Amino acid sequence: MSEEHLIKSNKRVKEHGEVFTPKRVVKLMLNQHELYGALHSLTATFLEPAAGEGAFLTEMLSRKLELANHMSSDIKGFEQNALIALTSLYGIELLVDNTDLLVMHMYQVFYQEYLRQLSKYNAPENNKVLKSALTIIKANMAQGDALTGKNKNGDDIIFSEWNLLPVKRGVQKVKRIEYTLDAIKTGGPSVDGQHQTHGYEELSLFESTNEEAQNTVYRFKTVPLIDVFKEIRTSVLK
């Protein structure tokens, strides 16, 4: 998106107040001293409540991917760190067409840097990385109204929290938990009834009664970060 592309139409400005931020202003705002520490952390989270086509989020992703590059000594390390960077960026956009472009632009920034790293390390493309990147982006970039917490269908805006577990044998595993935007604001429970905590418990069900079936919910299974695209769920009791 060029600096001159500040509005799409007078109608959209009138109806939605849609005006895009010039790139030079985006860079100036993100260069503020108060943001330095967070933008130099792979895990520090940001939520853009009026994300548009991603002017701020794509610039933040570019900076975090640069950090991932500096922190990595091989392609596997970069893949892992780049996915971690993606899990930290969230956006809400009211207009459907902008939301689609937001997802596309975030993926383009990720993919272009990934290609550069593949060339740097003379490594083959890992389709799992790309699938997981797109899964994270789609989960973190939501269509809806940040003021009401609802999407175009009137349903709650839902975001995923990506709880990174201790690395074992070089493998970064993640526990994905979904929260409504309202629950995030108020500290309420997750969609499946979990309290907002980094701890978690998986339950194994060997049998279920009718009463248990009515109280069964589905949670994402803990998986390696590179495998989040599989979106495997496991059944548990409320």
Protein backbone atom coordinates (compact mmCIF):
# COMPACT_ATOMS: atom_id res chain seq x y z
CA MET A 1 0.00 0.00 0.00
CA SER A 2 1.61 3.29 -1.16
CA GLU A 3 1.69 6.43 0.96
CA GLU A 4 -0.70 8.14 -1.48
CA HIS A 5 -3.33 5.44 -0.98
CA LEU A 6 -4.97 7.11 2.03
CA ILE A 7 -8.63 6.57 1.11
CA LYS A 8 -10.49 4.13 -1.12
CA SER A 9 -13.57 6.26 -1.68
CA ASN A 10 -15.37 9.24 -0.19
CA LYS A 11 -18.30 6.93 0.53
CA ARG A 12 -16.18 4.65 2.73
CA VAL A 13 -14.77 7.67 4.56
CA LYS A 14 -18.28 8.99 5.19
CA GLU A 15 -19.79 5.65 6.23
CA HIS A 16 -16.87 4.11 8.16
CA GLY A 17 -14.35 6.90 8.75
CA GLU A 18 -11.84 4.83 6.77
CA VAL A 19 -8.54 6.66 6.29
CA PHE A 20 -5.22 4.83 5.96
CA THR A 21 -2.07 5.88 7.79
CA PRO A 22 0.94 6.82 5.61
CA LYS A 23 3.94 4.51 5.96
CA ARG A 24 6.20 7.34 7.13
CA VAL A 25 3.77 8.05 9.98
CA VAL A 26 3.57 4.35 10.85
CA LYS A 27 7.36 4.13 11.09
CA LEU A 28 7.55 7.34 13.11
CA MET A 29 4.97 6.09 15.62
CA LEU A 30 6.61 2.68 15.97
CA ASN A 31 10.00 4.30 16.47
CA GLN A 32 8.84 5.82 19.76
CA HIS A 33 11.11 4.95 22.67
CA GLU A 34 8.23 3.46 24.67
CA LEU A 35 7.76 0.70 22.08
CA TYR A 36 11.41 -0.24 21.66
CA GLY A 37 11.45 -3.05 24.22
CA ALA A 38 8.22 -4.66 23.05
CA LEU A 39 9.22 -4.54 19.39
CA HIS A 40 12.51 -6.22 20.32
CA SER A 41 10.71 -9.14 21.94
CA LEU A 42 9.31 -12.06 19.96
CA THR A 43 6.55 -12.66 22.51
CA ALA A 44 5.43 -9.15 23.51
CA THR A 45 1.87 -8.90 22.19
CA PHE A 46 0.15 -6.14 20.25
CA LEU A 47 -3.54 -5.72 19.38
CA GLU A 48 -4.52 -3.27 16.64
CA PRO A 49 -8.29 -2.60 17.09
CA ALA A 50 -8.69 -0.84 13.74
CA ALA A 51 -6.20 -2.77 11.65
CA GLY A 52 -7.27 -1.77 8.15
CA GLU A 53 -5.08 -3.50 5.57
CA GLY A 54 -2.29 -3.94 8.11
CA ALA A 55 -0.12 -0.82 7.92
CA PHE A 56 0.96 -1.09 11.56
CA LEU A 57 0.85 -4.86 11.93
CA THR A 58 2.90 -5.61 8.82
CA GLU A 59 5.57 -3.14 9.92
CA MET A 60 5.65 -4.70 13.39
CA LEU A 61 5.90 -8.15 11.84
CA SER A 62 8.79 -7.03 9.64
CA ARG A 63 10.66 -5.79 12.70
CA LYS A 64 9.97 -8.95 14.68
CA LEU A 65 11.09 -11.13 11.76
CA GLU A 66 14.32 -9.14 11.63
CA LEU A 67 14.75 -9.95 15.33
CA ALA A 68 14.00 -13.64 14.60
CA ASN A 69 16.76 -13.55 12.01
CA HIS A 70 19.28 -12.16 14.50
CA MET A 71 18.29 -14.75 17.11
CA SER A 72 18.60 -17.74 14.78
CA SER A 73 21.66 -19.67 13.68
CA ASP A 74 19.94 -22.07 11.26
CA ILE A 75 16.75 -22.32 9.24
CA LYS A 76 14.91 -24.43 11.82
CA GLY A 77 15.65 -21.84 14.45
CA PHE A 78 14.35 -19.08 12.21
CA GLU A 79 11.19 -21.03 11.36
CA GLN A 80 10.43 -21.49 15.03
CA ASN A 81 11.23 -17.91 16.02
CA ALA A 82 9.28 -16.50 13.06
CA LEU A 83 6.18 -18.45 14.05
CA ILE A 84 6.56 -17.25 17.64
CA ALA A 85 6.66 -13.68 16.32
CA LEU A 86 3.41 -14.27 14.43
CA THR A 87 1.62 -15.50 17.56
CA SER A 88 2.22 -12.13 19.23
CA LEU A 89 0.36 -9.92 16.72
CA TYR A 90 -3.42 -9.47 16.73
CA GLY A 91 -5.76 -7.32 14.70
CA ILE A 92 -9.46 -6.44 14.45
CA GLU A 93 -10.89 -4.90 11.29
CA LEU A 94 -14.51 -3.90 10.73
CA LEU A 95 -14.67 -4.19 6.94
CA VAL A 96 -14.61 -7.65 5.38
CA ASP A 97 -12.56 -6.73 2.30
CA ASN A 98 -9.93 -5.05 4.45
CA THR A 99 -9.77 -8.11 6.71
CA ASP A 100 -9.05 -10.34 3.73
CA LEU A 101 -6.30 -7.98 2.61
CA LEU A 102 -4.94 -7.81 6.16
CA VAL A 103 -4.50 -11.59 6.23
CA MET A 104 -2.94 -11.56 2.77
CA HIS A 105 -0.50 -8.76 3.59
CA MET A 106 0.62 -10.40 6.84
CA TYR A 107 1.24 -13.66 5.01
CA GLN A 108 3.14 -11.88 2.22
CA VAL A 109 5.49 -10.22 4.71
CA PHE A 110 6.10 -13.55 6.42
CA TYR A 111 6.61 -15.47 3.17
CA GLN A 112 8.96 -12.93 1.61
CA GLU A 113 11.23 -12.99 4.66
CA TYR A 114 11.01 -16.78 4.80
CA LEU A 115 12.16 -17.01 1.18
CA ARG A 116 15.09 -14.74 2.02
CA GLN A 117 16.09 -17.00 4.90
CA LEU A 118 15.77 -20.13 2.75
CA SER A 119 18.18 -18.56 0.28
CA LYS A 120 20.53 -17.53 3.09
CA TYR A 121 20.73 -21.09 4.46
CA ASN A 122 20.31 -22.85 1.10
CA ALA A 123 17.40 -24.79 2.61
CA PRO A 124 14.21 -26.30 1.13
CA GLU A 125 10.79 -24.78 1.79
CA ASN A 126 8.88 -26.46 4.61
CA ASN A 127 5.18 -26.53 3.78
CA LYS A 128 4.32 -27.14 7.44
CA VAL A 129 5.79 -23.76 8.34
CA LEU A 130 3.71 -21.97 5.71
CA LYS A 131 0.51 -23.77 6.68
CA SER A 132 1.07 -23.01 10.37
CA ALA A 133 1.90 -19.38 9.60
CA LEU A 134 -1.37 -18.96 7.72
CA THR A 135 -3.30 -20.71 10.50
CA ILE A 136 -1.88 -18.33 13.10
CA ILE A 137 -2.51 -15.27 10.95
CA LYS A 138 -6.13 -16.23 10.28
CA ALA A 139 -6.70 -16.92 13.98
CA ASN A 140 -5.13 -13.62 15.06
CA MET A 141 -6.65 -11.31 12.43
CA ALA A 142 -10.37 -11.01 13.16
CA GLN A 143 -13.22 -9.36 11.30
CA GLY A 144 -15.50 -7.43 13.61
CA ASP A 145 -16.21 -4.33 15.64
CA ALA A 146 -13.74 -3.77 18.47
CA LEU A 147 -16.31 -1.67 20.34
CA THR A 148 -19.06 -4.29 20.41
CA GLY A 149 -16.84 -7.38 20.33
CA LYS A 150 -19.00 -8.86 17.57
CA ASN A 151 -18.30 -9.90 13.96
CA LYS A 152 -20.50 -9.33 10.90
CA ASN A 153 -22.69 -12.31 11.86
CA GLY A 154 -23.28 -11.00 15.36
CA ASP A 155 -21.03 -13.66 16.90
CA ASP A 156 -18.34 -12.95 19.48
CA ILE A 157 -14.90 -12.06 18.19
CA ILE A 158 -12.63 -14.91 19.24
CA PHE A 159 -8.85 -14.81 19.58
CA SER A 160 -6.37 -17.56 20.32
CA GLU A 161 -3.79 -17.36 23.08
CA TRP A 162 -0.67 -19.29 22.11
CA ASN A 163 0.91 -20.56 25.32
CA LEU A 164 4.52 -21.49 24.60
CA LEU A 165 5.69 -24.43 26.69
CA PRO A 166 9.31 -25.10 27.72
CA VAL A 167 11.42 -26.22 24.78
CA LYS A 168 12.35 -29.90 24.97
CA ARG A 169 14.91 -31.49 22.67
CA GLY A 170 14.79 -28.42 20.48
CA VAL A 171 11.02 -28.66 19.95
CA GLN A 172 8.80 -25.72 20.83
CA LYS A 173 5.32 -26.91 21.78
CA VAL A 174 2.28 -24.67 22.10
CA LYS A 175 -1.07 -24.83 23.85
CA ARG A 176 -3.77 -22.91 21.98
CA ILE A 177 -6.66 -21.52 24.03
CA GLU A 178 -9.53 -19.47 22.59
CA TYR A 179 -11.06 -16.42 24.29
CA THR A 180 -13.78 -14.01 23.29
CA LEU A 181 -12.70 -10.39 23.08
CA ASP A 182 -14.99 -9.62 26.00
CA ALA A 183 -13.36 -12.32 28.14
CA ILE A 184 -9.93 -10.87 27.35
CA LYS A 185 -11.10 -7.43 28.50
CA THR A 186 -12.74 -8.67 31.71
CA GLY A 187 -10.40 -11.53 32.61
CA GLY A 188 -13.16 -14.05 32.00
CA PRO A 189 -12.81 -17.75 31.14
CA SER A 190 -11.90 -19.15 27.75
CA VAL A 191 -14.44 -20.39 25.21
CA ASP A 192 -14.04 -23.91 26.64
CA GLY A 193 -14.32 -22.75 30.25
CA GLN A 194 -10.64 -22.48 31.22
CA HIS A 195 -9.51 -19.63 33.44
CA GLN A 196 -7.00 -17.19 32.03
CA THR A 197 -3.80 -18.86 33.15
CA HIS A 198 -0.75 -20.25 31.43
CA GLY A 199 -1.27 -23.55 33.20
CA TYR A 200 -3.47 -26.21 31.66
CA GLU A 201 -4.65 -29.74 32.23
CA GLU A 202 -5.50 -32.41 29.67
CA LEU A 203 -8.03 -35.07 30.61
CA SER A 204 -8.47 -38.52 29.13
CA LEU A 205 -12.02 -39.80 28.79
CA PHE A 206 -12.44 -43.56 28.69
CA GLU A 207 -16.21 -43.53 28.86
CA SER A 208 -19.00 -40.98 29.06
CA THR A 209 -22.57 -40.92 30.28
CA ASN A 210 -25.29 -38.82 28.67
CA GLU A 211 -24.69 -36.16 31.33
CA GLU A 212 -20.99 -36.14 30.52
CA ALA A 213 -21.69 -35.85 26.81
CA GLN A 214 -23.74 -32.71 27.44
CA ASN A 215 -20.80 -31.19 29.31
CA THR A 216 -18.11 -32.18 26.83
CA VAL A 217 -16.10 -29.43 25.19
CA TYR A 218 -13.21 -29.56 22.75
CA ARG A 219 -9.82 -28.04 23.34
CA PHE A 220 -6.84 -27.75 21.08
CA LYS A 221 -4.28 -30.47 21.68
CA THR A 222 -0.78 -29.45 22.67
CA VAL A 223 1.39 -29.76 19.56
CA PRO A 224 4.75 -28.62 18.20
CA LEU A 225 4.44 -25.02 17.01
CA ILE A 226 5.18 -26.12 13.47
CA ASP A 227 2.11 -28.40 13.55
CA VAL A 228 -0.56 -25.91 14.66
CA PHE A 229 -2.04 -26.00 11.16
CA LYS A 230 -3.45 -29.45 11.98
CA GLU A 231 -5.76 -27.81 14.59
CA ILE A 232 -6.17 -31.09 16.49
CA ARG A 233 -8.79 -30.96 19.22
CA THR A 234 -9.27 -33.25 22.19
CA SER A 235 -12.52 -33.74 24.16
CA VAL A 236 -12.66 -32.88 27.87
CA LEU A 237 -15.34 -32.30 30.50
CA LYS A 238 -16.32 -28.80 31.54
